[in-house]
Amino acid sequence: MRKTTVFFCLLVLTLTFAQKATAQDSDTTAKPHESAKPPEAPTHFYRLDMVLEQLGPDAKVTNSRSYAITISTAHNDANAEIRTGARVPVNINGGTTPQYQYQDVGVSIDARNAHEAGGKLTLNLAADVSSVAAPKDPGVALPPVMNQNKWQGQVLIPIGKPTTVFSSDDVQSKGAMQLVVTATLLQ
């Protein structure tokens, strides 16, 4: 009887430890599945052709400037930037002795956080366009007026189709300014 009791005790202990070991094994196999990341989308490169258009009062293009940049859909991609312009001297002293401060004017375009969404390209786009306005009365020595159009937002661009992403009225005339972007997948 004693042998039978010892045998059953050992059998119960063995089964108890075996059950705990199996539970621990299943916990360790579950952890990699929980921490596994979903597969990342493949990285693609796009060429962004941008046309900055000035429109007259009749909504016809009176002037345009073209810019191009390449952007990646990689998550760790840095900003894509365009900078073009000049530093204009502005007399800040109204007296007889001129004192100048330089003002940046031109075009700045920043594109970042690009990724694909439903066959389209979405990205955060910022554009800043500034210029010196022509004086209304050239005979009067007044400080120059600085014009500025500034846009920033998350945009959605169909691939291969020109899309107006920003548009605003010109405060000095009855015209307008707009930015048209075409995204082309690079092979």
N, C-alpha and C. Protein backbone atom coordinates (compact mmCIF):
# COMPACT_ATOMS: atom_id res chain seq x y z
N MET A 1 0.81 -1.19 0.00
CA MET A 1 0.00 0.00 0.00
C MET A 1 0.86 1.26 0.00
N ARG A 2 1.91 1.16 0.77
CA ARG A 2 2.81 2.29 0.83
C ARG A 2 3.41 2.59 -0.53
N LYS A 3 3.80 1.60 -1.28
CA LYS A 3 4.36 1.80 -2.62
C LYS A 3 3.32 2.43 -3.53
N THR A 4 2.10 2.04 -3.41
CA THR A 4 1.04 2.59 -4.25
C THR A 4 0.82 4.05 -3.92
N THR A 5 0.83 4.40 -2.64
CA THR A 5 0.63 5.80 -2.23
C THR A 5 1.78 6.67 -2.75
N VAL A 6 2.99 6.20 -2.59
CA VAL A 6 4.16 6.95 -3.08
C VAL A 6 4.07 7.09 -4.60
N PHE A 7 3.69 6.04 -5.27
CA PHE A 7 3.57 6.08 -6.73
C PHE A 7 2.54 7.12 -7.16
N PHE A 8 1.38 7.15 -6.52
CA PHE A 8 0.34 8.11 -6.87
C PHE A 8 0.77 9.55 -6.54
N CYS A 9 1.48 9.74 -5.45
CA CYS A 9 1.99 11.07 -5.11
C CYS A 9 2.98 11.55 -6.16
N LEU A 10 3.89 10.69 -6.56
CA LEU A 10 4.84 11.06 -7.60
C LEU A 10 4.13 11.33 -8.92
N LEU A 11 3.12 10.54 -9.23
CA LEU A 11 2.36 10.74 -10.45
C LEU A 11 1.65 12.09 -10.44
N VAL A 12 1.05 12.46 -9.32
CA VAL A 12 0.35 13.74 -9.20
C VAL A 12 1.36 14.89 -9.32
N LEU A 13 2.50 14.80 -8.66
CA LEU A 13 3.53 15.84 -8.74
C LEU A 13 4.05 15.98 -10.17
N THR A 14 4.29 14.87 -10.81
CA THR A 14 4.78 14.90 -12.19
C THR A 14 3.78 15.58 -13.11
N LEU A 15 2.52 15.24 -12.98
CA LEU A 15 1.48 15.84 -13.82
C LEU A 15 1.34 17.35 -13.52
N THR A 16 1.46 17.73 -12.28
CA THR A 16 1.35 19.14 -11.90
C THR A 16 2.48 19.95 -12.52
N PHE A 17 3.72 19.48 -12.39
CA PHE A 17 4.85 20.19 -12.96
C PHE A 17 4.81 20.19 -14.49
N ALA A 18 4.37 19.13 -15.07
CA ALA A 18 4.27 19.05 -16.53
C ALA A 18 3.25 20.07 -17.04
N GLN A 19 2.15 20.24 -16.31
CA GLN A 19 1.11 21.19 -16.72
C GLN A 19 1.65 22.62 -16.62
N LYS A 20 2.39 22.95 -15.55
CA LYS A 20 2.97 24.29 -15.40
C LYS A 20 4.01 24.55 -16.47
N ALA A 21 4.83 23.60 -16.80
CA ALA A 21 5.86 23.75 -17.83
C ALA A 21 5.21 23.99 -19.19
N THR A 22 4.13 23.28 -19.48
CA THR A 22 3.42 23.47 -20.75
C THR A 22 2.81 24.87 -20.80
N ALA A 23 2.27 25.36 -19.70
CA ALA A 23 1.68 26.71 -19.65
C ALA A 23 2.76 27.76 -19.87
N GLN A 24 3.94 27.57 -19.28
CA GLN A 24 5.02 28.52 -19.48
C GLN A 24 5.49 28.52 -20.93
N ASP A 25 5.59 27.36 -21.55
CA ASP A 25 5.99 27.28 -22.95
C ASP A 25 5.00 28.01 -23.85
N SER A 26 3.72 27.86 -23.58
CA SER A 26 2.73 28.53 -24.41
C SER A 26 2.78 30.04 -24.22
N ASP A 27 3.14 30.51 -23.01
CA ASP A 27 3.28 31.95 -22.78
C ASP A 27 4.44 32.52 -23.58
N THR A 28 5.56 31.78 -23.62
CA THR A 28 6.72 32.30 -24.35
C THR A 28 6.48 32.28 -25.85
N THR A 29 5.70 31.35 -26.34
CA THR A 29 5.42 31.35 -27.78
C THR A 29 4.40 32.41 -28.13
N ALA A 30 3.58 32.84 -27.18
CA ALA A 30 2.58 33.87 -27.46
C ALA A 30 3.22 35.24 -27.52
N LYS A 31 4.28 35.48 -26.76
CA LYS A 31 4.90 36.80 -26.71
C LYS A 31 5.46 37.24 -28.06
N PRO A 32 6.17 36.40 -28.81
CA PRO A 32 6.65 36.88 -30.11
C PRO A 32 5.50 37.28 -31.04
N HIS A 33 4.38 36.59 -30.97
CA HIS A 33 3.25 36.95 -31.83
C HIS A 33 2.67 38.30 -31.43
N GLU A 34 2.68 38.57 -30.10
CA GLU A 34 2.14 39.84 -29.64
C GLU A 34 3.04 40.99 -30.03
N SER A 35 4.35 40.81 -29.98
CA SER A 35 5.27 41.90 -30.28
C SER A 35 5.64 41.97 -31.76
N ALA A 36 5.20 41.03 -32.56
CA ALA A 36 5.52 41.06 -33.98
C ALA A 36 4.86 42.27 -34.63
N LYS A 37 5.64 43.02 -35.40
CA LYS A 37 5.13 44.20 -36.08
C LYS A 37 4.49 43.79 -37.40
N PRO A 38 3.48 44.50 -37.82
CA PRO A 38 2.92 44.20 -39.13
C PRO A 38 3.96 44.54 -40.20
N PRO A 39 3.94 43.84 -41.30
CA PRO A 39 4.94 44.12 -42.32
C PRO A 39 4.81 45.55 -42.84
N GLU A 40 5.96 46.22 -42.99
CA GLU A 40 5.95 47.59 -43.47
C GLU A 40 5.68 47.62 -44.97
N ALA A 41 5.01 48.67 -45.41
CA ALA A 41 4.75 48.84 -46.84
C ALA A 41 6.09 49.09 -47.54
N PRO A 42 6.22 48.65 -48.76
CA PRO A 42 7.48 48.88 -49.48
C PRO A 42 7.71 50.37 -49.71
N THR A 43 8.97 50.77 -49.72
CA THR A 43 9.32 52.16 -49.95
C THR A 43 9.27 52.47 -51.44
N HIS A 44 8.58 53.56 -51.77
CA HIS A 44 8.52 54.03 -53.15
C HIS A 44 9.03 55.47 -53.20
N PHE A 45 9.51 55.85 -54.37
CA PHE A 45 9.96 57.21 -54.59
C PHE A 45 9.04 57.88 -55.60
N TYR A 46 8.72 59.13 -55.32
CA TYR A 46 7.85 59.91 -56.20
C TYR A 46 8.53 61.21 -56.58
N ARG A 47 8.32 61.60 -57.81
CA ARG A 47 8.75 62.92 -58.27
C ARG A 47 7.53 63.84 -58.15
N LEU A 48 7.72 64.95 -57.46
CA LEU A 48 6.66 65.94 -57.33
C LEU A 48 6.98 67.11 -58.25
N ASP A 49 6.18 67.30 -59.28
CA ASP A 49 6.31 68.45 -60.17
C ASP A 49 5.31 69.49 -59.68
N MET A 50 5.82 70.65 -59.30
CA MET A 50 4.98 71.69 -58.73
C MET A 50 5.03 72.93 -59.62
N VAL A 51 3.87 73.51 -59.87
CA VAL A 51 3.77 74.73 -60.65
C VAL A 51 3.06 75.77 -59.80
N LEU A 52 3.75 76.86 -59.53
CA LEU A 52 3.18 77.98 -58.80
C LEU A 52 2.63 78.95 -59.85
N GLU A 53 1.32 79.16 -59.84
CA GLU A 53 0.66 79.97 -60.88
C GLU A 53 0.07 81.24 -60.27
N GLN A 54 0.31 82.37 -60.95
CA GLN A 54 -0.35 83.61 -60.61
C GLN A 54 -1.48 83.80 -61.62
N LEU A 55 -2.66 84.07 -61.11
CA LEU A 55 -3.84 84.20 -61.95
C LEU A 55 -4.29 85.66 -61.98
N GLY A 56 -4.75 86.11 -63.15
CA GLY A 56 -5.30 87.45 -63.28
C GLY A 56 -6.75 87.49 -62.81
N PRO A 57 -7.37 88.67 -62.90
CA PRO A 57 -8.78 88.79 -62.48
C PRO A 57 -9.72 87.88 -63.27
N ASP A 58 -9.32 87.52 -64.48
CA ASP A 58 -10.14 86.64 -65.32
C ASP A 58 -9.84 85.16 -65.07
N ALA A 59 -9.06 84.84 -64.05
CA ALA A 59 -8.67 83.48 -63.65
C ALA A 59 -7.77 82.79 -64.67
N LYS A 60 -7.16 83.56 -65.57
CA LYS A 60 -6.18 82.99 -66.51
C LYS A 60 -4.78 83.17 -65.94
N VAL A 61 -3.92 82.21 -66.24
CA VAL A 61 -2.54 82.23 -65.73
C VAL A 61 -1.78 83.38 -66.37
N THR A 62 -1.23 84.27 -65.51
CA THR A 62 -0.42 85.39 -66.00
C THR A 62 1.07 85.15 -65.80
N ASN A 63 1.43 84.27 -64.88
CA ASN A 63 2.83 83.95 -64.61
C ASN A 63 2.87 82.59 -63.93
N SER A 64 3.91 81.81 -64.22
CA SER A 64 4.06 80.52 -63.54
C SER A 64 5.54 80.22 -63.34
N ARG A 65 5.81 79.49 -62.28
CA ARG A 65 7.17 79.03 -61.97
C ARG A 65 7.10 77.56 -61.62
N SER A 66 8.06 76.79 -62.11
CA SER A 66 8.04 75.34 -61.92
C SER A 66 9.14 74.90 -60.97
N TYR A 67 8.82 73.89 -60.17
CA TYR A 67 9.75 73.30 -59.22
C TYR A 67 9.55 71.79 -59.24
N ALA A 68 10.62 71.05 -58.97
CA ALA A 68 10.52 69.58 -58.91
C ALA A 68 11.37 69.09 -57.76
N ILE A 69 10.88 68.00 -57.13
CA ILE A 69 11.57 67.40 -56.00
C ILE A 69 11.22 65.92 -55.95
N THR A 70 12.09 65.12 -55.38
CA THR A 70 11.82 63.70 -55.21
C THR A 70 11.63 63.43 -53.73
N ILE A 71 10.61 62.62 -53.42
CA ILE A 71 10.30 62.30 -52.02
C ILE A 71 10.11 60.78 -51.90
N SER A 72 10.39 60.27 -50.73
CA SER A 72 10.30 58.83 -50.46
C SER A 72 9.17 58.57 -49.47
N THR A 73 8.60 57.37 -49.53
CA THR A 73 7.56 56.98 -48.58
C THR A 73 8.15 56.27 -47.36
N ALA A 74 9.47 56.23 -47.25
CA ALA A 74 10.12 55.60 -46.09
C ALA A 74 9.75 56.36 -44.83
N HIS A 75 9.56 55.63 -43.72
CA HIS A 75 9.14 56.26 -42.47
C HIS A 75 10.22 57.12 -41.85
N ASN A 76 11.47 56.83 -42.13
CA ASN A 76 12.55 57.60 -41.53
C ASN A 76 13.11 58.64 -42.50
N ASP A 77 12.37 58.93 -43.56
CA ASP A 77 12.84 59.88 -44.56
C ASP A 77 12.81 61.30 -44.01
N ALA A 78 13.84 62.07 -44.28
CA ALA A 78 13.89 63.47 -43.86
C ALA A 78 13.01 64.32 -44.76
N ASN A 79 12.84 65.56 -44.38
CA ASN A 79 12.05 66.48 -45.19
C ASN A 79 12.67 66.67 -46.56
N ALA A 80 11.83 66.88 -47.54
CA ALA A 80 12.29 67.30 -48.86
C ALA A 80 11.99 68.79 -48.93
N GLU A 81 12.99 69.59 -49.28
CA GLU A 81 12.85 71.04 -49.23
C GLU A 81 13.31 71.69 -50.52
N ILE A 82 12.63 72.79 -50.87
CA ILE A 82 13.05 73.65 -51.97
C ILE A 82 13.15 75.06 -51.41
N ARG A 83 14.26 75.72 -51.69
CA ARG A 83 14.47 77.11 -51.28
C ARG A 83 15.01 77.87 -52.49
N THR A 84 14.35 78.93 -52.87
CA THR A 84 14.85 79.80 -53.92
C THR A 84 14.42 81.23 -53.61
N GLY A 85 15.31 82.16 -53.78
CA GLY A 85 14.95 83.53 -53.46
C GLY A 85 16.14 84.45 -53.40
N ALA A 86 15.94 85.59 -52.74
CA ALA A 86 16.98 86.61 -52.61
C ALA A 86 16.83 87.28 -51.25
N ARG A 87 17.90 87.96 -50.85
CA ARG A 87 17.86 88.78 -49.63
C ARG A 87 17.80 90.24 -50.10
N VAL A 88 16.72 90.91 -49.76
CA VAL A 88 16.47 92.26 -50.23
C VAL A 88 16.78 93.25 -49.11
N PRO A 89 17.59 94.30 -49.40
CA PRO A 89 17.86 95.30 -48.36
C PRO A 89 16.65 96.22 -48.17
N VAL A 90 16.27 96.43 -46.93
CA VAL A 90 15.15 97.32 -46.60
C VAL A 90 15.69 98.39 -45.65
N ASN A 91 15.50 99.67 -46.01
CA ASN A 91 15.96 100.76 -45.18
C ASN A 91 15.02 100.87 -43.97
N ILE A 92 15.56 100.63 -42.79
CA ILE A 92 14.72 100.68 -41.59
C ILE A 92 14.87 102.02 -40.86
N ASN A 93 15.72 102.90 -41.34
CA ASN A 93 15.93 104.21 -40.73
C ASN A 93 15.29 105.26 -41.65
N GLY A 94 14.31 105.97 -41.15
CA GLY A 94 13.63 106.98 -41.97
C GLY A 94 14.45 108.25 -42.14
N GLY A 95 15.57 108.37 -41.48
CA GLY A 95 16.39 109.58 -41.53
C GLY A 95 17.24 109.65 -42.79
N THR A 96 18.17 110.58 -42.80
CA THR A 96 19.02 110.79 -43.97
C THR A 96 20.09 109.73 -44.11
N THR A 97 20.50 109.12 -43.00
CA THR A 97 21.50 108.06 -43.06
C THR A 97 20.77 106.72 -43.15
N PRO A 98 20.90 106.05 -44.30
CA PRO A 98 20.18 104.76 -44.43
C PRO A 98 20.78 103.68 -43.53
N GLN A 99 19.92 102.87 -42.99
CA GLN A 99 20.32 101.71 -42.20
C GLN A 99 19.49 100.54 -42.74
N TYR A 100 20.17 99.49 -43.20
CA TYR A 100 19.49 98.42 -43.91
C TYR A 100 19.35 97.16 -43.06
N GLN A 101 18.23 96.51 -43.25
CA GLN A 101 18.00 95.18 -42.70
C GLN A 101 17.61 94.31 -43.90
N TYR A 102 18.16 93.12 -43.97
CA TYR A 102 17.88 92.26 -45.12
C TYR A 102 16.69 91.36 -44.84
N GLN A 103 15.82 91.27 -45.84
CA GLN A 103 14.59 90.48 -45.75
C GLN A 103 14.66 89.37 -46.81
N ASP A 104 14.39 88.12 -46.40
CA ASP A 104 14.35 87.01 -47.36
C ASP A 104 13.05 87.05 -48.14
N VAL A 105 13.14 86.96 -49.45
CA VAL A 105 11.96 86.85 -50.31
C VAL A 105 12.20 85.71 -51.28
N GLY A 106 11.12 85.09 -51.73
CA GLY A 106 11.24 83.99 -52.68
C GLY A 106 10.24 82.89 -52.37
N VAL A 107 10.65 81.66 -52.67
CA VAL A 107 9.76 80.51 -52.54
C VAL A 107 10.43 79.46 -51.64
N SER A 108 9.67 78.96 -50.67
CA SER A 108 10.09 77.85 -49.82
C SER A 108 8.99 76.81 -49.85
N ILE A 109 9.36 75.57 -50.18
CA ILE A 109 8.40 74.47 -50.21
C ILE A 109 8.99 73.31 -49.41
N ASP A 110 8.20 72.78 -48.47
CA ASP A 110 8.61 71.64 -47.65
C ASP A 110 7.60 70.52 -47.83
N ALA A 111 8.11 69.31 -48.07
CA ALA A 111 7.26 68.12 -48.17
C ALA A 111 7.80 67.09 -47.19
N ARG A 112 6.89 66.46 -46.41
CA ARG A 112 7.33 65.45 -45.44
C ARG A 112 6.19 64.47 -45.14
N ASN A 113 6.57 63.37 -44.52
CA ASN A 113 5.63 62.32 -44.10
C ASN A 113 4.80 61.78 -45.26
N ALA A 114 5.44 61.49 -46.35
CA ALA A 114 4.72 60.94 -47.51
C ALA A 114 4.43 59.47 -47.32
N HIS A 115 3.22 59.07 -47.69
CA HIS A 115 2.88 57.66 -47.73
C HIS A 115 1.71 57.47 -48.69
N GLU A 116 1.53 56.21 -49.09
CA GLU A 116 0.48 55.88 -50.05
C GLU A 116 -0.80 55.54 -49.32
N ALA A 117 -1.92 55.99 -49.90
CA ALA A 117 -3.23 55.71 -49.30
C ALA A 117 -4.23 55.51 -50.44
N GLY A 118 -4.62 54.28 -50.65
CA GLY A 118 -5.64 53.99 -51.66
C GLY A 118 -5.27 54.42 -53.06
N GLY A 119 -4.05 54.17 -53.49
CA GLY A 119 -3.63 54.53 -54.84
C GLY A 119 -3.32 56.01 -55.02
N LYS A 120 -3.25 56.74 -53.92
CA LYS A 120 -2.92 58.17 -53.96
C LYS A 120 -1.74 58.42 -53.03
N LEU A 121 -1.14 59.58 -53.18
CA LEU A 121 -0.02 59.96 -52.32
C LEU A 121 -0.51 61.03 -51.35
N THR A 122 -0.28 60.81 -50.07
CA THR A 122 -0.63 61.81 -49.07
C THR A 122 0.66 62.27 -48.40
N LEU A 123 0.75 63.57 -48.14
CA LEU A 123 1.93 64.13 -47.52
C LEU A 123 1.59 65.46 -46.87
N ASN A 124 2.46 65.89 -45.98
CA ASN A 124 2.31 67.20 -45.37
C ASN A 124 3.11 68.16 -46.23
N LEU A 125 2.44 69.18 -46.75
CA LEU A 125 3.05 70.12 -47.68
C LEU A 125 2.92 71.53 -47.14
N ALA A 126 4.02 72.28 -47.16
CA ALA A 126 4.01 73.67 -46.74
C ALA A 126 4.67 74.50 -47.84
N ALA A 127 4.06 75.62 -48.18
CA ALA A 127 4.61 76.52 -49.20
C ALA A 127 4.53 77.95 -48.69
N ASP A 128 5.61 78.69 -48.91
CA ASP A 128 5.68 80.10 -48.50
C ASP A 128 6.25 80.87 -49.68
N VAL A 129 5.46 81.82 -50.20
CA VAL A 129 5.86 82.62 -51.36
C VAL A 129 5.82 84.08 -50.93
N SER A 130 6.97 84.76 -51.01
CA SER A 130 7.02 86.17 -50.63
C SER A 130 7.74 86.97 -51.70
N SER A 131 7.35 88.25 -51.81
CA SER A 131 7.97 89.14 -52.80
C SER A 131 7.83 90.58 -52.32
N VAL A 132 8.57 91.46 -52.98
CA VAL A 132 8.48 92.88 -52.70
C VAL A 132 7.49 93.47 -53.70
N ALA A 133 6.48 94.17 -53.19
CA ALA A 133 5.48 94.78 -54.06
C ALA A 133 6.05 96.02 -54.74
N ALA A 134 5.60 96.27 -55.96
CA ALA A 134 6.01 97.48 -56.67
C ALA A 134 5.41 98.69 -55.94
N PRO A 135 6.19 99.78 -55.80
CA PRO A 135 5.65 100.95 -55.10
C PRO A 135 4.49 101.57 -55.88
N LYS A 136 3.47 102.02 -55.14
CA LYS A 136 2.31 102.63 -55.79
C LYS A 136 2.65 104.01 -56.33
N ASP A 137 3.50 104.74 -55.62
CA ASP A 137 3.93 106.07 -56.06
C ASP A 137 5.45 106.12 -56.01
N PRO A 138 6.14 105.93 -57.16
CA PRO A 138 7.61 105.86 -57.16
C PRO A 138 8.27 107.15 -56.67
N GLY A 139 7.57 108.26 -56.71
CA GLY A 139 8.17 109.53 -56.27
C GLY A 139 8.23 109.68 -54.77
N VAL A 140 7.51 108.87 -54.02
CA VAL A 140 7.49 108.96 -52.57
C VAL A 140 8.37 107.86 -51.99
N ALA A 141 9.28 108.24 -51.10
CA ALA A 141 10.22 107.26 -50.51
C ALA A 141 9.58 106.60 -49.29
N LEU A 142 8.83 105.55 -49.53
CA LEU A 142 8.23 104.77 -48.45
C LEU A 142 8.90 103.41 -48.37
N PRO A 143 8.88 102.79 -47.20
CA PRO A 143 9.43 101.43 -47.13
C PRO A 143 8.64 100.49 -48.04
N PRO A 144 9.31 99.49 -48.57
CA PRO A 144 8.60 98.58 -49.48
C PRO A 144 7.55 97.73 -48.77
N VAL A 145 6.54 97.35 -49.51
CA VAL A 145 5.50 96.46 -49.01
C VAL A 145 5.90 95.03 -49.37
N MET A 146 5.81 94.13 -48.41
CA MET A 146 6.16 92.73 -48.65
C MET A 146 4.87 91.93 -48.84
N ASN A 147 4.79 91.21 -49.96
CA ASN A 147 3.66 90.30 -50.23
C ASN A 147 4.02 88.90 -49.74
N GLN A 148 3.03 88.18 -49.21
CA GLN A 148 3.30 86.81 -48.76
C GLN A 148 2.04 85.95 -48.89
N ASN A 149 2.23 84.77 -49.46
CA ASN A 149 1.22 83.71 -49.46
C ASN A 149 1.85 82.54 -48.74
N LYS A 150 1.16 82.03 -47.74
CA LYS A 150 1.72 80.94 -46.93
C LYS A 150 0.63 79.89 -46.73
N TRP A 151 0.96 78.64 -47.10
CA TRP A 151 0.01 77.54 -46.97
C TRP A 151 0.71 76.38 -46.27
N GLN A 152 -0.07 75.57 -45.57
CA GLN A 152 0.44 74.36 -44.96
C GLN A 152 -0.73 73.44 -44.70
N GLY A 153 -0.56 72.15 -45.04
CA GLY A 153 -1.63 71.19 -44.77
C GLY A 153 -1.29 69.81 -45.25
N GLN A 154 -2.11 68.86 -44.84
CA GLN A 154 -2.01 67.47 -45.30
C GLN A 154 -2.78 67.39 -46.62
N VAL A 155 -2.12 66.96 -47.68
CA VAL A 155 -2.76 66.92 -49.00
C VAL A 155 -2.83 65.49 -49.51
N LEU A 156 -3.79 65.24 -50.38
CA LEU A 156 -3.98 63.93 -51.02
C LEU A 156 -3.92 64.16 -52.52
N ILE A 157 -2.94 63.52 -53.17
CA ILE A 157 -2.69 63.77 -54.58
C ILE A 157 -2.86 62.48 -55.37
N PRO A 158 -3.77 62.46 -56.36
CA PRO A 158 -3.88 61.29 -57.23
C PRO A 158 -2.57 61.14 -58.03
N ILE A 159 -2.12 59.91 -58.21
CA ILE A 159 -0.87 59.65 -58.92
C ILE A 159 -1.06 60.00 -60.41
N GLY A 160 -0.14 60.83 -60.92
CA GLY A 160 -0.12 61.16 -62.35
C GLY A 160 -1.13 62.20 -62.80
N LYS A 161 -1.85 62.81 -61.87
CA LYS A 161 -2.87 63.80 -62.25
C LYS A 161 -2.55 65.15 -61.60
N PRO A 162 -2.41 66.22 -62.41
CA PRO A 162 -2.18 67.55 -61.82
C PRO A 162 -3.33 67.93 -60.88
N THR A 163 -2.98 68.34 -59.67
CA THR A 163 -3.98 68.65 -58.65
C THR A 163 -3.66 69.99 -58.00
N THR A 164 -4.63 70.89 -57.95
CA THR A 164 -4.45 72.15 -57.23
C THR A 164 -4.59 71.85 -55.75
N VAL A 165 -3.48 72.04 -55.01
CA VAL A 165 -3.49 71.72 -53.58
C VAL A 165 -3.68 72.96 -52.72
N PHE A 166 -3.26 74.13 -53.20
CA PHE A 166 -3.42 75.37 -52.46
C PHE A 166 -3.87 76.45 -53.43
N SER A 167 -4.69 77.36 -52.94
CA SER A 167 -5.14 78.50 -53.74
C SER A 167 -5.56 79.61 -52.79
N SER A 168 -5.23 80.86 -53.16
CA SER A 168 -5.67 81.99 -52.34
C SER A 168 -5.71 83.25 -53.19
N ASP A 169 -6.54 84.18 -52.77
CA ASP A 169 -6.65 85.47 -53.46
C ASP A 169 -5.41 86.31 -53.20
N ASP A 170 -5.13 87.19 -54.16
CA ASP A 170 -4.05 88.15 -54.01
C ASP A 170 -4.63 89.36 -53.29
N VAL A 171 -4.01 89.79 -52.19
CA VAL A 171 -4.56 90.90 -51.41
C VAL A 171 -4.37 92.25 -52.10
N GLN A 172 -3.45 92.35 -53.07
CA GLN A 172 -3.16 93.62 -53.72
C GLN A 172 -3.89 93.78 -55.06
N SER A 173 -4.47 92.70 -55.57
CA SER A 173 -5.18 92.78 -56.85
C SER A 173 -6.39 91.86 -56.80
N LYS A 174 -7.07 91.76 -57.93
CA LYS A 174 -8.23 90.86 -58.00
C LYS A 174 -7.84 89.49 -58.51
N GLY A 175 -6.54 89.24 -58.57
CA GLY A 175 -6.05 87.95 -59.03
C GLY A 175 -5.93 86.95 -57.89
N ALA A 176 -5.24 85.86 -58.16
CA ALA A 176 -5.06 84.80 -57.17
C ALA A 176 -3.73 84.10 -57.42
N MET A 177 -3.37 83.23 -56.50
CA MET A 177 -2.17 82.40 -56.64
C MET A 177 -2.55 80.98 -56.25
N GLN A 178 -1.99 80.00 -56.96
CA GLN A 178 -2.29 78.60 -56.64
C GLN A 178 -1.06 77.73 -56.87
N LEU A 179 -1.02 76.60 -56.18
CA LEU A 179 0.05 75.62 -56.33
C LEU A 179 -0.56 74.34 -56.85
N VAL A 180 -0.06 73.89 -58.03
CA VAL A 180 -0.54 72.67 -58.67
C VAL A 180 0.57 71.63 -58.57
N VAL A 181 0.23 70.42 -58.09
CA VAL A 181 1.22 69.37 -57.87
C VAL A 181 0.83 68.13 -58.66
N THR A 182 1.84 67.52 -59.32
CA THR A 182 1.65 66.25 -59.99
C THR A 182 2.65 65.26 -59.39
N ALA A 183 2.17 64.13 -58.88
CA ALA A 183 3.02 63.10 -58.30
C ALA A 183 3.20 61.97 -59.30
N THR A 184 4.46 61.63 -59.60
CA THR A 184 4.77 60.55 -60.54
C THR A 184 5.61 59.50 -59.84
N LEU A 185 5.16 58.24 -59.88
CA LEU A 185 5.91 57.14 -59.29
C LEU A 185 7.16 56.90 -60.11
N LEU A 186 8.32 56.85 -59.44
CA LEU A 186 9.58 56.56 -60.12
C LEU A 186 9.83 55.06 -60.09
N GLN A 187 10.25 54.48 -61.17
CA GLN A 187 10.51 53.03 -61.26
C GLN A 187 11.92 52.72 -60.88
